[in-house]
Amino acid sequence: MNVSRIILISGALLTGSILMAYSVSGQSSKQIRERGINCQTVLEVFIEKGMDKPVIEKKEMYNENGNITEVVEYNKKGNITNWQKFEYDEDENVTSETQLDNKGRVVSRIKTIYENKLKTEKQYFDGSDRMYKKKFFKYEYSGQQTTPDKAEPNQ
């Protein structure tokens, strides 16, 4: 079996311990919460490229409920290629998704609005916090349609 890279996963950032028993996508928020994990780091070794030391591929930070609050992805040179932050409401719904550049400056943000625990609207903002787009979500119950009062698309 030809293995081109090895992925190691480190557990809590504070301990710096490396856990090899789980895959990146194998953690549920329940497992993360129960184990008290606040950060997961994925390390890669590019064997075919002649690199013998692990480099950070991705870091995921979690809140006390096990929800992802921040994701930072890196290339093999250690440069940031993707950086996102997430905020949640008391029902653990994502209320804000922020995309950052490699220096930590806001590139874009999506605000999600919920009513009666249902997503009703998404607002899209640019790096200067100017809204440039909205989406509305409609739900149907037993043949009756409910629509946000804010707008009726395509009218």
Protein backbone atom coordinates (compact mmCIF):
# COMPACT_ATOMS: atom_id res chain seq x y z
CA MET A 1 0.00 0.00 0.00
CA ASN A 2 1.50 3.32 -1.08
CA VAL A 3 0.78 6.07 1.45
CA SER A 4 1.57 9.55 0.17
CA ARG A 5 0.94 11.37 3.42
CA ILE A 6 0.37 10.72 7.07
CA ILE A 7 -2.20 12.66 9.02
CA LEU A 8 -1.73 13.10 12.71
CA ILE A 9 -4.33 14.75 14.85
CA SER A 10 -3.48 16.66 17.96
CA GLY A 11 -6.01 17.12 20.70
CA ALA A 12 -6.41 20.03 23.05
CA LEU A 13 -4.05 22.88 22.21
CA LEU A 14 -3.15 23.42 25.85
CA THR A 15 -1.78 19.92 26.29
CA GLY A 16 -0.22 19.65 22.86
CA SER A 17 -0.80 15.91 22.91
CA ILE A 18 -1.14 14.06 19.65
CA LEU A 19 -4.07 11.70 19.26
CA MET A 20 -3.79 9.14 16.49
CA ALA A 21 -7.05 7.29 17.15
CA TYR A 22 -9.49 9.60 15.39
CA SER A 23 -9.88 11.06 11.92
CA VAL A 24 -10.60 14.73 11.32
CA SER A 25 -14.25 14.19 10.45
CA GLY A 26 -14.73 11.52 13.12
CA GLN A 27 -15.48 13.87 16.01
CA SER A 28 -19.06 14.75 16.82
CA SER A 29 -19.82 17.91 18.81
CA LYS A 30 -20.98 15.58 21.61
CA GLN A 31 -17.59 13.81 21.70
CA ILE A 32 -15.74 17.12 21.61
CA ARG A 33 -17.89 18.53 24.45
CA GLU A 34 -17.64 15.38 26.60
CA ARG A 35 -13.85 15.17 26.23
CA GLY A 36 -13.33 18.89 26.84
CA ILE A 37 -11.51 19.39 23.53
CA ASN A 38 -11.05 23.05 22.63
CA CYS A 39 -8.76 22.67 19.60
CA GLN A 40 -7.94 20.01 17.04
CA THR A 41 -4.83 20.34 14.89
CA VAL A 42 -4.26 18.23 11.78
CA LEU A 43 -0.61 17.70 10.86
CA GLU A 44 0.63 16.41 7.49
CA VAL A 45 3.92 14.88 6.41
CA PHE A 46 4.60 15.22 2.66
CA ILE A 47 6.74 12.09 2.25
CA GLU A 48 6.77 12.14 -1.57
CA LYS A 49 8.01 15.76 -1.49
CA GLY A 50 10.99 14.75 0.68
CA MET A 51 9.62 16.46 3.78
CA ASP A 52 10.09 14.47 6.97
CA LYS A 53 8.64 16.92 9.49
CA PRO A 54 4.92 17.43 10.01
CA VAL A 55 3.36 20.73 8.99
CA ILE A 56 0.03 22.07 10.18
CA GLU A 57 -2.74 21.49 7.65
CA LYS A 58 -5.71 22.71 9.69
CA LYS A 59 -6.73 23.96 13.14
CA GLU A 60 -10.29 23.83 14.43
CA MET A 61 -11.27 25.63 17.64
CA TYR A 62 -14.42 24.71 19.59
CA ASN A 63 -16.66 26.33 22.18
CA GLU A 64 -17.81 24.62 25.40
CA ASN A 65 -20.73 23.03 23.50
CA GLY A 66 -18.42 21.36 20.98
CA ASN A 67 -19.33 23.70 18.11
CA ILE A 68 -16.62 24.88 15.73
CA THR A 69 -15.83 28.54 16.42
CA GLU A 70 -12.82 28.94 14.15
CA VAL A 71 -11.14 27.06 11.30
CA VAL A 72 -7.71 27.94 9.92
CA GLU A 73 -6.26 25.98 6.99
CA TYR A 74 -2.64 26.16 5.82
CA ASN A 75 -0.63 25.14 2.78
CA LYS A 76 2.54 23.06 3.11
CA LYS A 77 4.62 26.24 3.49
CA GLY A 78 2.60 27.27 6.54
CA ASN A 79 0.69 30.09 4.84
CA ILE A 80 -3.00 30.53 5.69
CA THR A 81 -5.26 29.50 2.79
CA ASN A 82 -8.65 29.66 4.55
CA TRP A 83 -9.75 31.31 7.82
CA GLN A 84 -13.31 31.29 9.12
CA LYS A 85 -15.01 32.19 12.41
CA PHE A 86 -18.46 31.14 13.60
CA GLU A 87 -20.86 32.44 16.27
CA TYR A 88 -23.89 30.64 17.72
CA ASP A 89 -27.11 31.52 19.53
CA GLU A 90 -28.44 29.86 22.71
CA ASP A 91 -30.02 27.12 20.54
CA GLU A 92 -26.60 26.39 18.97
CA ASN A 93 -27.63 27.74 15.56
CA VAL A 94 -24.89 29.42 13.54
CA THR A 95 -25.73 33.14 13.61
CA SER A 96 -22.57 34.55 12.04
CA GLU A 97 -19.98 33.17 9.61
CA THR A 98 -16.97 35.41 9.01
CA GLN A 99 -14.35 34.87 6.30
CA LEU A 100 -10.93 36.40 7.05
CA ASP A 101 -7.88 36.96 4.89
CA ASN A 102 -4.47 35.57 5.85
CA LYS A 103 -3.77 38.63 8.03
CA GLY A 104 -7.04 38.31 9.99
CA ARG A 105 -8.95 41.10 8.22
CA VAL A 106 -12.64 40.54 7.52
CA VAL A 107 -13.31 39.68 3.86
CA SER A 108 -17.01 38.83 4.19
CA ARG A 109 -19.64 37.92 6.74
CA ILE A 110 -22.95 36.07 6.67
CA LYS A 111 -25.53 36.80 9.36
CA THR A 112 -28.30 34.23 9.82
CA ILE A 113 -31.58 35.22 11.45
CA TYR A 114 -33.91 32.74 13.15
CA GLU A 115 -37.53 33.14 14.20
CA ASN A 116 -39.27 30.47 16.29
CA LYS A 117 -36.08 28.37 15.96
CA LEU A 118 -36.30 28.37 12.14
CA LYS A 119 -33.85 30.05 9.78
CA THR A 120 -35.75 32.88 8.09
CA GLU A 121 -33.07 35.09 6.58
CA LYS A 122 -29.41 35.28 5.60
CA GLN A 123 -27.71 38.64 5.15
CA TYR A 124 -24.43 38.90 3.25
CA PHE A 125 -21.87 41.61 4.04
CA ASP A 126 -18.60 42.61 2.37
CA GLY A 127 -15.33 43.42 4.13
CA SER A 128 -16.56 46.96 4.87
CA ASP A 129 -19.67 45.56 6.56
CA ARG A 130 -21.98 46.70 3.74
CA MET A 131 -24.88 44.35 3.04
CA TYR A 132 -24.91 43.27 -0.61
CA LYS A 133 -27.40 40.38 -0.63
CA LYS A 134 -30.24 38.77 1.35
CA LYS A 135 -31.87 35.35 1.23
CA PHE A 136 -35.26 34.49 2.72
CA PHE A 137 -36.44 31.04 3.77
CA LYS A 138 -40.08 29.95 3.50
CA TYR A 139 -41.68 26.94 5.19
CA GLU A 140 -44.87 25.07 4.45
CA TYR A 141 -46.94 23.22 7.01
CA SER A 142 -49.83 20.95 6.03
CA GLY A 143 -50.51 22.96 2.89
CA GLN A 144 -50.20 26.38 4.55
CA GLN A 145 -47.29 28.60 3.65
CA THR A 146 -45.43 30.83 6.07
CA THR A 147 -43.23 33.59 4.72
CA PRO A 148 -41.09 36.20 6.42
CA ASP A 149 -42.84 39.57 6.41
CA LYS A 150 -39.70 41.27 5.13
CA ALA A 151 -40.00 40.46 1.42
CA GLU A 152 -41.62 38.27 -1.16
CA PRO A 153 -39.07 37.23 -3.76
CA ASN A 154 -39.94 37.37 -7.48
CA GLN A 155 -42.81 39.82 -7.17
